[in-house]
N, C-alpha and C. Protein backbone atom coordinates (compact mmCIF):
# COMPACT_ATOMS: atom_id res chain seq x y z
N MET A 1 -23.29 12.82 41.82
CA MET A 1 -22.90 11.46 40.50
C MET A 1 -23.89 11.71 39.78
N LYS A 2 -23.57 11.08 38.54
CA LYS A 2 -24.99 10.98 37.60
C LYS A 2 -26.02 9.97 37.88
N GLY A 3 -26.96 10.28 37.58
CA GLY A 3 -28.22 9.64 37.62
C GLY A 3 -28.39 8.94 38.74
N GLY A 4 -28.16 9.62 40.00
CA GLY A 4 -28.46 9.54 41.13
C GLY A 4 -27.58 8.40 41.80
N GLN A 5 -26.46 8.01 41.13
CA GLN A 5 -25.56 6.94 41.88
C GLN A 5 -24.89 7.53 42.67
N THR A 6 -24.38 6.49 43.68
CA THR A 6 -23.60 7.14 44.66
C THR A 6 -22.13 6.83 44.21
N LYS A 7 -21.17 7.49 44.94
CA LYS A 7 -19.79 7.47 44.72
C LYS A 7 -19.16 6.07 44.19
N SER A 8 -19.50 5.39 45.30
CA SER A 8 -18.97 3.72 45.17
C SER A 8 -19.72 3.06 44.40
N GLU A 9 -20.97 3.33 43.76
CA GLU A 9 -21.57 2.78 42.37
C GLU A 9 -21.19 3.14 41.19
N ALA A 10 -20.84 4.49 41.13
CA ALA A 10 -19.85 4.85 40.14
C ALA A 10 -18.78 4.29 39.65
N THR A 11 -17.94 3.92 40.95
CA THR A 11 -16.57 3.66 40.87
C THR A 11 -16.99 1.98 40.76
N SER A 12 -17.49 1.30 41.07
CA SER A 12 -17.62 -0.02 40.73
C SER A 12 -18.00 -0.22 39.28
N THR A 13 -18.99 0.70 38.57
CA THR A 13 -19.10 0.75 37.10
C THR A 13 -17.77 0.97 36.24
N ASP A 14 -16.88 1.97 36.90
CA ASP A 14 -15.74 2.43 36.17
C ASP A 14 -14.90 1.06 36.22
N GLN A 15 -14.70 0.55 37.26
CA GLN A 15 -13.85 -0.55 37.26
C GLN A 15 -14.48 -1.85 36.27
N ARG A 16 -15.81 -1.73 36.53
CA ARG A 16 -16.23 -3.07 35.47
C ARG A 16 -15.90 -2.75 34.01
N LEU A 17 -15.88 -1.42 33.74
CA LEU A 17 -15.77 -0.94 32.20
C LEU A 17 -14.52 -1.14 31.83
N LYS A 18 -13.38 -1.01 32.82
CA LYS A 18 -11.97 -0.98 32.51
C LYS A 18 -11.59 -2.31 32.38
N THR A 19 -12.18 -3.54 33.00
CA THR A 19 -11.93 -4.92 32.68
C THR A 19 -12.42 -5.38 31.90
N ARG A 20 -13.55 -5.02 31.09
CA ARG A 20 -14.44 -5.59 30.38
C ARG A 20 -13.53 -5.32 28.87
N GLY A 21 -13.13 -3.93 28.67
CA GLY A 21 -12.35 -3.53 27.39
C GLY A 21 -10.84 -4.10 27.38
N MET A 22 -10.48 -4.64 28.41
CA MET A 22 -8.77 -4.94 28.31
C MET A 22 -8.58 -6.05 27.45
N LYS A 23 -7.56 -5.97 26.94
CA LYS A 23 -7.05 -6.66 25.90
C LYS A 23 -5.99 -7.48 25.99
N LYS A 24 -5.41 -8.76 26.08
CA LYS A 24 -4.37 -9.49 26.07
C LYS A 24 -3.09 -8.64 25.54
N LYS A 25 -1.77 -8.92 26.20
CA LYS A 25 -0.88 -8.31 25.65
C LYS A 25 -0.03 -9.19 24.83
N THR A 26 0.52 -8.95 23.78
CA THR A 26 1.22 -10.02 23.58
C THR A 26 2.43 -9.39 22.83
N THR A 27 3.44 -10.45 23.53
CA THR A 27 4.93 -9.90 23.36
C THR A 27 5.46 -9.99 21.70
N LYS A 28 6.00 -8.94 21.14
CA LYS A 28 6.37 -9.11 20.06
C LYS A 28 7.89 -9.75 19.79
N ASP A 29 8.21 -10.40 18.78
CA ASP A 29 9.58 -10.96 18.59
C ASP A 29 10.51 -9.80 17.90
N PRO A 30 11.50 -9.46 18.59
CA PRO A 30 12.22 -8.71 17.86
C PRO A 30 13.04 -9.10 16.92
N ASN A 31 13.21 -10.28 16.62
CA ASN A 31 14.02 -10.64 15.37
C ASN A 31 12.91 -10.65 14.15
N LYS A 32 11.72 -10.79 14.09
CA LYS A 32 10.68 -10.72 12.81
C LYS A 32 11.39 -9.20 12.43
N PRO A 33 11.21 -9.75 10.92
CA PRO A 33 11.44 -8.50 10.08
C PRO A 33 10.38 -7.65 9.96
N LYS A 34 10.70 -6.49 9.97
CA LYS A 34 9.74 -5.08 9.73
C LYS A 34 8.84 -5.22 8.38
N ARG A 35 7.72 -4.74 8.62
CA ARG A 35 7.19 -4.75 7.18
C ARG A 35 7.66 -3.66 6.29
N PRO A 36 7.55 -3.71 5.29
CA PRO A 36 8.22 -2.91 4.40
C PRO A 36 7.22 -1.70 4.02
N PRO A 37 7.56 -0.52 3.56
CA PRO A 37 6.92 0.69 3.39
C PRO A 37 6.34 0.62 2.20
N SER A 38 5.14 1.13 1.70
CA SER A 38 4.32 1.31 0.48
C SER A 38 5.05 2.21 -0.17
N ALA A 39 4.91 2.51 -1.60
CA ALA A 39 5.41 3.25 -2.61
C ALA A 39 5.17 4.71 -1.82
N PHE A 40 4.06 5.04 -1.53
CA PHE A 40 3.68 6.43 -0.83
C PHE A 40 4.96 6.58 0.24
N PHE A 41 5.26 5.83 1.33
CA PHE A 41 5.88 6.01 2.29
C PHE A 41 7.12 6.33 2.03
N VAL A 42 7.55 5.42 0.66
CA VAL A 42 9.05 5.66 0.13
C VAL A 42 8.82 7.25 -0.49
N PHE A 43 8.20 7.68 -1.12
CA PHE A 43 7.84 8.96 -1.69
C PHE A 43 8.11 9.69 -0.52
N LEU A 44 7.42 9.35 0.64
CA LEU A 44 7.24 10.42 1.80
C LEU A 44 8.58 10.73 2.28
N ASP A 45 9.68 9.87 2.32
CA ASP A 45 10.67 10.00 2.93
C ASP A 45 11.38 11.33 1.97
N ASP A 46 11.67 11.07 1.02
CA ASP A 46 12.14 11.83 0.03
C ASP A 46 11.42 13.36 0.02
N PHE A 47 10.08 13.25 0.40
CA PHE A 47 9.55 14.67 -0.27
C PHE A 47 9.68 15.33 1.46
N ARG A 48 9.57 14.72 2.31
CA ARG A 48 9.67 15.15 3.91
C ARG A 48 11.03 16.25 3.89
N ARG A 49 12.33 15.60 3.35
CA ARG A 49 13.72 15.97 3.38
C ARG A 49 13.54 17.53 2.47
N GLU A 50 12.88 17.31 1.43
CA GLU A 50 12.80 18.78 0.53
C GLU A 50 11.91 19.26 1.24
N PHE A 51 10.86 19.28 1.85
CA PHE A 51 9.88 19.82 2.40
C PHE A 51 10.37 20.71 3.38
N ASN A 52 11.28 20.09 4.51
CA ASN A 52 11.75 20.60 5.59
C ASN A 52 12.90 21.47 5.16
N GLU A 53 13.85 21.41 4.11
CA GLU A 53 14.69 22.15 3.68
C GLU A 53 14.21 23.65 3.03
N ALA A 54 12.89 23.44 2.39
CA ALA A 54 12.21 24.69 1.85
C ALA A 54 11.51 25.33 2.86
N ASN A 55 11.02 24.83 3.81
CA ASN A 55 10.21 25.37 5.00
C ASN A 55 10.97 24.82 6.59
N PRO A 56 11.98 25.30 6.74
CA PRO A 56 12.54 24.97 7.98
C PRO A 56 11.87 25.56 9.32
N ASN A 57 11.21 26.44 9.13
CA ASN A 57 10.61 27.04 10.43
C ASN A 57 9.38 26.04 10.38
N ASN A 58 8.75 25.07 9.49
CA ASN A 58 7.52 24.44 9.90
C ASN A 58 7.54 23.30 10.88
N LYS A 59 6.83 23.32 11.94
CA LYS A 59 6.91 21.85 12.78
C LYS A 59 5.76 21.13 12.74
N SER A 60 4.87 21.66 11.99
CA SER A 60 3.39 20.85 11.78
C SER A 60 3.76 19.54 11.03
N VAL A 61 3.32 18.16 11.52
CA VAL A 61 3.42 17.06 10.90
C VAL A 61 2.00 17.17 9.88
N ALA A 62 1.16 17.75 10.21
CA ALA A 62 0.23 17.25 9.68
C ALA A 62 0.12 18.21 8.38
N ALA A 63 1.06 19.20 8.31
CA ALA A 63 1.39 20.16 7.10
C ALA A 63 2.13 19.51 6.21
N VAL A 64 3.12 18.85 6.69
CA VAL A 64 4.16 17.90 5.80
C VAL A 64 2.88 16.81 5.17
N GLY A 65 2.04 16.33 6.14
CA GLY A 65 1.47 15.07 5.33
C GLY A 65 0.29 15.49 4.28
N LYS A 66 -0.15 16.70 4.59
CA LYS A 66 -1.41 17.09 3.52
C LYS A 66 -0.57 17.47 2.33
N ALA A 67 0.65 18.20 2.18
CA ALA A 67 1.32 18.64 1.07
C ALA A 67 1.77 17.38 0.41
N ALA A 68 2.33 16.40 1.12
CA ALA A 68 2.66 15.26 0.31
C ALA A 68 1.66 14.36 -0.59
N GLY A 69 0.51 14.28 0.32
CA GLY A 69 -0.51 13.78 -0.10
C GLY A 69 -1.04 14.34 -1.41
N ALA A 70 -1.35 15.63 -1.35
CA ALA A 70 -1.68 16.35 -2.34
C ALA A 70 -0.75 16.40 -3.65
N LYS A 71 0.67 16.30 -3.45
CA LYS A 71 1.37 16.02 -4.64
C LYS A 71 1.44 14.81 -5.08
N TRP A 72 1.48 13.74 -4.34
CA TRP A 72 1.25 12.26 -4.54
C TRP A 72 -0.15 12.03 -5.80
N LYS A 73 -1.08 12.70 -5.20
CA LYS A 73 -2.41 12.48 -6.13
C LYS A 73 -2.04 13.28 -7.61
N SER A 74 -1.35 14.13 -7.30
CA SER A 74 -1.22 15.16 -8.54
C SER A 74 -0.30 14.39 -9.73
N MET A 75 0.65 13.29 -9.23
CA MET A 75 1.66 12.79 -9.78
C MET A 75 1.25 11.72 -10.79
N SER A 76 1.83 11.76 -11.98
CA SER A 76 1.48 10.51 -12.88
C SER A 76 1.94 9.21 -12.52
N GLU A 77 1.54 8.33 -13.43
CA GLU A 77 2.40 6.99 -12.99
C GLU A 77 3.65 6.54 -13.26
N GLU A 78 4.03 7.54 -14.42
CA GLU A 78 5.40 7.47 -14.47
C GLU A 78 6.19 8.16 -13.60
N GLU A 79 5.66 9.37 -12.73
CA GLU A 79 6.68 10.02 -11.69
C GLU A 79 6.60 8.87 -10.60
N LYS A 80 5.56 8.20 -10.11
CA LYS A 80 5.41 7.29 -9.11
C LYS A 80 6.18 5.87 -9.54
N ALA A 81 6.78 5.70 -10.72
CA ALA A 81 7.41 4.48 -10.67
C ALA A 81 8.44 4.37 -9.91
N PRO A 82 9.64 5.04 -9.93
CA PRO A 82 10.67 4.86 -9.27
C PRO A 82 10.33 4.11 -7.59
N TYR A 83 9.44 5.12 -7.27
CA TYR A 83 9.07 4.92 -5.58
C TYR A 83 8.07 3.53 -5.67
N ALA A 84 7.42 3.05 -6.71
CA ALA A 84 6.86 1.78 -6.68
C ALA A 84 7.82 0.59 -6.81
N SER A 85 8.96 0.74 -7.69
CA SER A 85 9.96 -0.18 -7.81
C SER A 85 10.97 -0.25 -6.67
N LYS A 86 11.34 0.97 -5.79
CA LYS A 86 11.87 0.87 -4.43
C LYS A 86 10.98 0.16 -3.60
N ALA A 87 9.70 0.35 -3.71
CA ALA A 87 8.98 -0.22 -2.59
C ALA A 87 8.77 -1.77 -3.09
N GLU A 88 8.69 -2.28 -4.11
CA GLU A 88 8.65 -3.49 -4.53
C GLU A 88 9.91 -4.33 -4.12
N SER A 89 11.23 -3.47 -4.47
CA SER A 89 12.48 -4.30 -3.90
C SER A 89 12.74 -4.58 -2.57
N ARG A 90 12.06 -3.66 -1.82
CA ARG A 90 12.31 -3.70 -0.44
C ARG A 90 10.99 -4.72 0.30
N LYS A 91 10.04 -5.15 -0.55
CA LYS A 91 9.01 -5.95 -0.44
C LYS A 91 9.49 -7.46 -0.68
N SER A 92 10.59 -7.28 -1.51
CA SER A 92 10.91 -8.71 -1.97
C SER A 92 12.05 -9.16 -0.85
N GLU A 93 12.72 -8.18 -0.27
CA GLU A 93 13.70 -8.48 1.00
C GLU A 93 13.29 -8.63 1.73
N TYR A 94 11.82 -8.06 2.13
CA TYR A 94 11.09 -8.31 3.29
C TYR A 94 10.62 -9.95 3.38
N LEU A 95 10.21 -10.44 1.97
CA LEU A 95 9.82 -11.80 1.96
C LEU A 95 10.63 -12.75 2.17
N LYS A 96 12.03 -12.19 1.63
CA LYS A 96 13.18 -13.08 1.76
C LYS A 96 13.52 -13.10 3.42
N GLY A 97 13.38 -12.21 3.98
CA GLY A 97 13.43 -12.38 5.45
C GLY A 97 12.64 -13.00 5.90
N MET A 98 11.33 -12.84 5.46
CA MET A 98 10.01 -13.73 6.60
C MET A 98 10.56 -15.47 6.26
N GLN A 99 10.81 -15.88 5.06
CA GLN A 99 10.73 -16.93 4.91
C GLN A 99 12.00 -17.66 5.86
N GLN A 100 12.93 -16.85 5.85
CA GLN A 100 14.46 -17.34 6.72
C GLN A 100 13.58 -17.41 8.25
N TYR A 101 13.09 -16.24 8.67
CA TYR A 101 12.31 -16.14 10.15
C TYR A 101 11.47 -17.38 10.26
N ASN A 102 10.65 -17.83 9.23
CA ASN A 102 9.47 -18.63 9.53
C ASN A 102 10.46 -20.11 9.74
N MET A 103 11.32 -20.24 8.62
CA MET A 103 12.48 -21.12 8.79
C MET A 103 13.07 -21.47 10.28
N ASN A 104 13.53 -20.52 10.54
CA ASN A 104 14.24 -20.39 11.92
C ASN A 104 13.26 -20.90 13.22
N LEU A 105 11.84 -20.41 12.86
CA LEU A 105 10.76 -20.71 13.72
C LEU A 105 10.61 -22.22 13.78
N ALA A 106 10.54 -22.79 12.33
CA ALA A 106 10.04 -24.09 12.48
C ALA A 106 11.33 -25.15 13.03
N SER A 107 12.42 -24.63 12.67
CA SER A 107 13.27 -25.74 13.31
C SER A 107 13.84 -25.39 14.69
N GLY A 108 13.24 -24.63 15.14
CA GLY A 108 13.26 -24.19 16.82
C GLY A 108 14.38 -23.46 17.25
N THR A 109 15.01 -23.03 16.38
CA THR A 109 16.40 -22.11 16.36
C THR A 109 15.71 -20.66 16.30
N ASN A 110 16.09 -20.07 17.26
CA ASN A 110 15.98 -18.43 17.47
C ASN A 110 17.37 -17.72 17.71
N ARG A 111 17.33 -16.63 17.04
CA ARG A 111 18.50 -16.10 16.87
C ARG A 111 18.90 -15.46 18.25
N GLY A 112 17.80 -15.09 19.07
CA GLY A 112 18.27 -14.28 20.49
C GLY A 112 19.06 -15.86 21.23
N GLU A 113 18.34 -16.80 20.90
CA GLU A 113 18.96 -18.19 22.19
C GLU A 113 20.44 -18.32 21.40
N ASP A 114 20.42 -18.18 20.12
CA ASP A 114 21.93 -18.53 19.60
C ASP A 114 23.06 -17.40 20.06
N ASP A 115 22.54 -15.86 20.50
CA ASP A 115 23.30 -14.96 21.11
C ASP A 115 23.67 -15.47 22.47
N GLU A 116 22.84 -15.82 23.18
CA GLU A 116 23.08 -16.15 24.36
C GLU A 116 23.74 -17.30 24.55
N SER A 117 23.92 -18.33 23.86
CA SER A 117 24.63 -19.42 24.35
C SER A 117 25.97 -18.92 23.67
N LYS A 118 26.16 -18.45 22.62
CA LYS A 118 27.57 -17.72 22.60
C LYS A 118 28.17 -16.79 23.63
N SER A 119 27.29 -16.19 23.98
CA SER A 119 27.71 -15.51 25.32
C SER A 119 28.20 -16.46 26.70
N GLU A 120 27.32 -17.20 26.66
CA GLU A 120 27.55 -18.23 27.60
C GLU A 120 28.72 -18.89 27.43
N GLY A 121 29.20 -19.42 26.25
CA GLY A 121 30.46 -20.21 25.99
C GLY A 121 31.67 -19.14 26.23
N SER A 122 31.44 -18.04 25.53
CA SER A 122 32.62 -17.09 25.94
C SER A 122 32.87 -16.81 27.56
N ASP A 123 32.03 -16.99 28.69
CA ASP A 123 32.02 -16.72 29.73
C ASP A 123 33.11 -18.15 30.42
N GLU A 124 32.53 -19.14 29.71
CA GLU A 124 33.34 -20.67 30.11
C GLU A 124 35.12 -20.26 29.79
N GLU A 125 35.00 -19.86 28.49
CA GLU A 125 36.48 -19.91 28.23
C GLU A 125 37.09 -18.70 28.88
N GLU A 126 36.85 -17.50 29.40
CA GLU A 126 37.33 -16.62 30.16
C GLU A 126 37.66 -17.16 31.46
N GLN A 127 36.92 -17.99 31.92
CA GLN A 127 36.92 -19.06 33.26
C GLN A 127 38.03 -19.66 33.15
N ASP A 128 38.31 -20.36 32.03
CA ASP A 128 39.47 -21.39 31.61
C ASP A 128 40.74 -20.99 31.66
N ASN A 129 40.64 -19.61 31.06
CA ASN A 129 41.97 -19.01 30.89
C ASN A 129 42.53 -17.92 32.32
N GLU A 130 41.66 -17.96 33.46
CA GLU A 130 42.07 -17.42 34.59
C GLU A 130 42.77 -18.35 35.25
């Protein structure tokens, strides 16, 4: 063992270090809207398709990323404008979705709860029909 430690001392140190760095896990709400991509990531979607058609044997994600970054840097503002406008429209949709999501949270209604209550109601109707 390192530094003259016995195996049990090393194990206890390892356990102490594991518990010290542990973070609390938070659950994500599946109904929360996803953040919109930036203009570069909108560009990257198109570029990735073109690059894969031109280089069908390329399996490296890093190569695609490097080529896309180099092309993005060499592009003028006029060439970037369509991607920026798409990103801006996606951002406005996201903001509308977040407003709706926050209003639902504030009012206490959750889409997931609504789905469950609908399914429970349909079970009761099925039982009545039998």
